[in-house]
Amino acid sequence: MKEVSIKTEYIALGQMLKLADCASSGGHAKILLEEGVVQVNGEVEQRRGRKLYPGDKVQVRDCGSFVIASQEA
C-alpha cells in the first residue's frame, strides 16, 4: 500500500487520484469514478469531491492501494 501525504486537513478524491498518478486529469478522474473502479474504505465511491482524511484507504483497479497520510510541518 502506497502512502499519499497531504499537508492540509483533507484532500479531494479527484485531486488524490491525480497526485497518485491514477488519473492524468480531472476529466480522467471523473471517468474512473463513473466506471466504479474506485473504492474508499472498502466502498465504491463516485464523488470527485469526496474529502479524504489521514487514515482513509483508497483502492483503484489497475492502479493500486493507497493510504492518506498527514505530512507534519
N, C-alpha and C. Protein backbone atom coordinates (compact mmCIF):
# COMPACT_ATOMS: atom_id res chain seq x y z
N MET A 1 0.84 -1.18 0.00
CA MET A 1 0.00 0.00 0.00
C MET A 1 0.89 1.24 0.00
N LYS A 2 0.63 2.13 -0.94
CA LYS A 2 1.43 3.35 -1.06
C LYS A 2 0.81 4.46 -0.23
N GLU A 3 1.67 5.35 0.27
CA GLU A 3 1.20 6.49 1.05
C GLU A 3 1.06 7.72 0.16
N VAL A 4 -0.02 8.46 0.36
CA VAL A 4 -0.19 9.75 -0.29
C VAL A 4 -0.20 10.77 0.85
N SER A 5 0.86 11.58 0.92
CA SER A 5 1.00 12.54 2.01
C SER A 5 0.34 13.86 1.65
N ILE A 6 -0.39 14.41 2.62
CA ILE A 6 -1.05 15.71 2.41
C ILE A 6 -0.61 16.67 3.50
N LYS A 7 -0.55 17.96 3.16
CA LYS A 7 -0.16 18.99 4.12
C LYS A 7 -1.39 19.67 4.71
N THR A 8 -2.54 19.46 4.10
CA THR A 8 -3.77 20.10 4.54
C THR A 8 -4.60 19.12 5.38
N GLU A 9 -5.74 19.58 5.88
CA GLU A 9 -6.60 18.73 6.71
C GLU A 9 -7.16 17.56 5.91
N TYR A 10 -7.49 17.82 4.64
CA TYR A 10 -8.05 16.78 3.77
C TYR A 10 -7.66 17.05 2.33
N ILE A 11 -7.95 16.07 1.46
CA ILE A 11 -7.73 16.22 0.02
C ILE A 11 -8.96 15.66 -0.68
N ALA A 12 -9.36 16.29 -1.77
CA ALA A 12 -10.49 15.80 -2.55
C ALA A 12 -10.05 14.54 -3.29
N LEU A 13 -10.97 13.60 -3.45
CA LEU A 13 -10.67 12.33 -4.11
C LEU A 13 -10.11 12.55 -5.51
N GLY A 14 -10.70 13.46 -6.27
CA GLY A 14 -10.21 13.73 -7.63
C GLY A 14 -8.76 14.19 -7.63
N GLN A 15 -8.40 15.05 -6.68
CA GLN A 15 -7.02 15.53 -6.57
C GLN A 15 -6.09 14.39 -6.18
N MET A 16 -6.55 13.54 -5.27
CA MET A 16 -5.74 12.42 -4.82
C MET A 16 -5.44 11.46 -5.97
N LEU A 17 -6.44 11.23 -6.83
CA LEU A 17 -6.24 10.33 -7.97
C LEU A 17 -5.17 10.87 -8.91
N LYS A 18 -5.13 12.18 -9.08
CA LYS A 18 -4.10 12.80 -9.93
C LYS A 18 -2.74 12.74 -9.24
N LEU A 19 -2.71 13.03 -7.95
CA LEU A 19 -1.46 13.01 -7.18
C LEU A 19 -0.84 11.61 -7.16
N ALA A 20 -1.68 10.59 -7.13
CA ALA A 20 -1.21 9.20 -7.09
C ALA A 20 -0.92 8.65 -8.49
N ASP A 21 -1.04 9.49 -9.51
CA ASP A 21 -0.81 9.10 -10.91
C ASP A 21 -1.76 8.02 -11.40
N CYS A 22 -2.97 7.99 -10.84
CA CYS A 22 -4.00 7.07 -11.32
C CYS A 22 -4.83 7.75 -12.41
N ALA A 23 -4.88 9.07 -12.37
CA ALA A 23 -5.64 9.85 -13.36
C ALA A 23 -4.73 10.94 -13.90
N SER A 24 -4.81 11.16 -15.20
CA SER A 24 -3.97 12.17 -15.83
C SER A 24 -4.58 13.56 -15.76
N SER A 25 -5.89 13.64 -15.50
CA SER A 25 -6.58 14.93 -15.44
C SER A 25 -7.85 14.78 -14.61
N GLY A 26 -8.49 15.91 -14.34
CA GLY A 26 -9.75 15.87 -13.62
C GLY A 26 -10.81 15.10 -14.38
N GLY A 27 -10.82 15.25 -15.70
CA GLY A 27 -11.77 14.52 -16.54
C GLY A 27 -11.54 13.02 -16.48
N HIS A 28 -10.27 12.63 -16.48
CA HIS A 28 -9.93 11.21 -16.38
C HIS A 28 -10.37 10.66 -15.02
N ALA A 29 -10.18 11.45 -13.96
CA ALA A 29 -10.62 11.04 -12.62
C ALA A 29 -12.13 10.83 -12.61
N LYS A 30 -12.86 11.73 -13.25
CA LYS A 30 -14.32 11.62 -13.31
C LYS A 30 -14.75 10.32 -13.99
N ILE A 31 -14.06 9.96 -15.07
CA ILE A 31 -14.37 8.72 -15.79
C ILE A 31 -14.11 7.51 -14.90
N LEU A 32 -12.97 7.49 -14.20
CA LEU A 32 -12.66 6.37 -13.30
C LEU A 32 -13.76 6.22 -12.25
N LEU A 33 -14.21 7.33 -11.70
CA LEU A 33 -15.24 7.29 -10.67
C LEU A 33 -16.57 6.81 -11.23
N GLU A 34 -16.92 7.27 -12.43
CA GLU A 34 -18.17 6.84 -13.06
C GLU A 34 -18.16 5.35 -13.38
N GLU A 35 -16.97 4.81 -13.68
CA GLU A 35 -16.85 3.38 -14.00
C GLU A 35 -16.92 2.50 -12.75
N GLY A 36 -16.87 3.12 -11.58
CA GLY A 36 -16.98 2.36 -10.34
C GLY A 36 -15.73 1.58 -9.97
N VAL A 37 -14.56 2.04 -10.41
CA VAL A 37 -13.32 1.30 -10.13
C VAL A 37 -12.57 1.86 -8.92
N VAL A 38 -13.16 2.86 -8.25
CA VAL A 38 -12.52 3.49 -7.10
C VAL A 38 -13.30 3.15 -5.83
N GLN A 39 -12.58 2.67 -4.82
CA GLN A 39 -13.19 2.38 -3.52
C GLN A 39 -12.50 3.20 -2.44
N VAL A 40 -13.30 3.74 -1.54
CA VAL A 40 -12.78 4.46 -0.37
C VAL A 40 -13.23 3.69 0.86
N ASN A 41 -12.26 3.27 1.64
CA ASN A 41 -12.54 2.48 2.86
C ASN A 41 -13.47 1.29 2.57
N GLY A 42 -13.24 0.64 1.43
CA GLY A 42 -13.96 -0.58 1.09
C GLY A 42 -15.29 -0.39 0.38
N GLU A 43 -15.70 0.85 0.13
CA GLU A 43 -16.97 1.10 -0.54
C GLU A 43 -16.75 1.88 -1.83
N VAL A 44 -17.48 1.51 -2.88
CA VAL A 44 -17.36 2.21 -4.17
C VAL A 44 -17.74 3.67 -3.97
N GLU A 45 -16.92 4.56 -4.50
CA GLU A 45 -17.15 5.99 -4.37
C GLU A 45 -17.17 6.63 -5.76
N GLN A 46 -18.15 7.50 -6.00
CA GLN A 46 -18.27 8.14 -7.31
C GLN A 46 -18.20 9.66 -7.25
N ARG A 47 -17.98 10.22 -6.07
CA ARG A 47 -17.93 11.68 -5.93
C ARG A 47 -16.48 12.16 -5.98
N ARG A 48 -16.19 12.99 -6.98
CA ARG A 48 -14.85 13.54 -7.12
C ARG A 48 -14.46 14.41 -5.94
N GLY A 49 -15.44 15.07 -5.35
CA GLY A 49 -15.17 15.99 -4.25
C GLY A 49 -15.14 15.35 -2.87
N ARG A 50 -15.28 14.03 -2.81
CA ARG A 50 -15.25 13.31 -1.51
C ARG A 50 -13.98 13.70 -0.77
N LYS A 51 -14.13 14.14 0.46
CA LYS A 51 -12.98 14.55 1.26
C LYS A 51 -12.31 13.32 1.87
N LEU A 52 -11.01 13.25 1.69
CA LEU A 52 -10.22 12.17 2.25
C LEU A 52 -9.34 12.72 3.36
N TYR A 53 -9.35 12.05 4.49
CA TYR A 53 -8.59 12.47 5.66
C TYR A 53 -7.50 11.44 5.95
N PRO A 54 -6.47 11.83 6.71
CA PRO A 54 -5.43 10.86 7.07
C PRO A 54 -6.04 9.59 7.66
N GLY A 55 -5.57 8.46 7.18
CA GLY A 55 -6.08 7.16 7.62
C GLY A 55 -7.05 6.53 6.63
N ASP A 56 -7.64 7.36 5.73
CA ASP A 56 -8.55 6.80 4.72
C ASP A 56 -7.75 5.95 3.74
N LYS A 57 -8.39 4.87 3.30
CA LYS A 57 -7.76 3.95 2.34
C LYS A 57 -8.51 4.01 1.02
N VAL A 58 -7.75 4.08 -0.06
CA VAL A 58 -8.32 4.17 -1.41
C VAL A 58 -7.76 3.05 -2.25
N GLN A 59 -8.64 2.34 -2.95
CA GLN A 59 -8.22 1.31 -3.90
C GLN A 59 -8.70 1.70 -5.28
N VAL A 60 -7.81 1.59 -6.25
CA VAL A 60 -8.16 1.91 -7.63
C VAL A 60 -7.76 0.72 -8.49
N ARG A 61 -8.74 0.13 -9.18
CA ARG A 61 -8.46 -1.03 -10.02
C ARG A 61 -7.40 -0.67 -11.05
N ASP A 62 -6.44 -1.53 -11.22
CA ASP A 62 -5.33 -1.39 -12.17
C ASP A 62 -4.37 -0.25 -11.82
N CYS A 63 -4.49 0.31 -10.61
CA CYS A 63 -3.55 1.37 -10.21
C CYS A 63 -2.92 1.06 -8.85
N GLY A 64 -3.70 0.54 -7.91
CA GLY A 64 -3.12 0.17 -6.64
C GLY A 64 -3.94 0.59 -5.44
N SER A 65 -3.33 0.39 -4.27
CA SER A 65 -3.95 0.73 -2.99
C SER A 65 -3.15 1.85 -2.35
N PHE A 66 -3.87 2.78 -1.73
CA PHE A 66 -3.23 3.96 -1.16
C PHE A 66 -3.82 4.24 0.20
N VAL A 67 -3.01 4.87 1.06
CA VAL A 67 -3.49 5.34 2.35
C VAL A 67 -3.12 6.82 2.44
N ILE A 68 -4.04 7.61 2.95
CA ILE A 68 -3.79 9.04 3.10
C ILE A 68 -3.02 9.25 4.40
N ALA A 69 -1.93 10.01 4.32
CA ALA A 69 -1.08 10.26 5.49
C ALA A 69 -0.87 11.75 5.65
N SER A 70 -0.83 12.18 6.89
CA SER A 70 -0.59 13.60 7.19
C SER A 70 0.91 13.87 7.14
N GLN A 71 1.26 14.91 6.43
CA GLN A 71 2.68 15.30 6.35
C GLN A 71 2.89 16.40 7.38
N GLU A 72 3.56 16.06 8.44
CA GLU A 72 3.77 17.03 9.53
C GLU A 72 4.64 18.18 9.05
N ALA A 73 4.28 19.38 9.48
CA ALA A 73 5.00 20.60 9.06
C ALA A 73 6.30 20.73 9.83
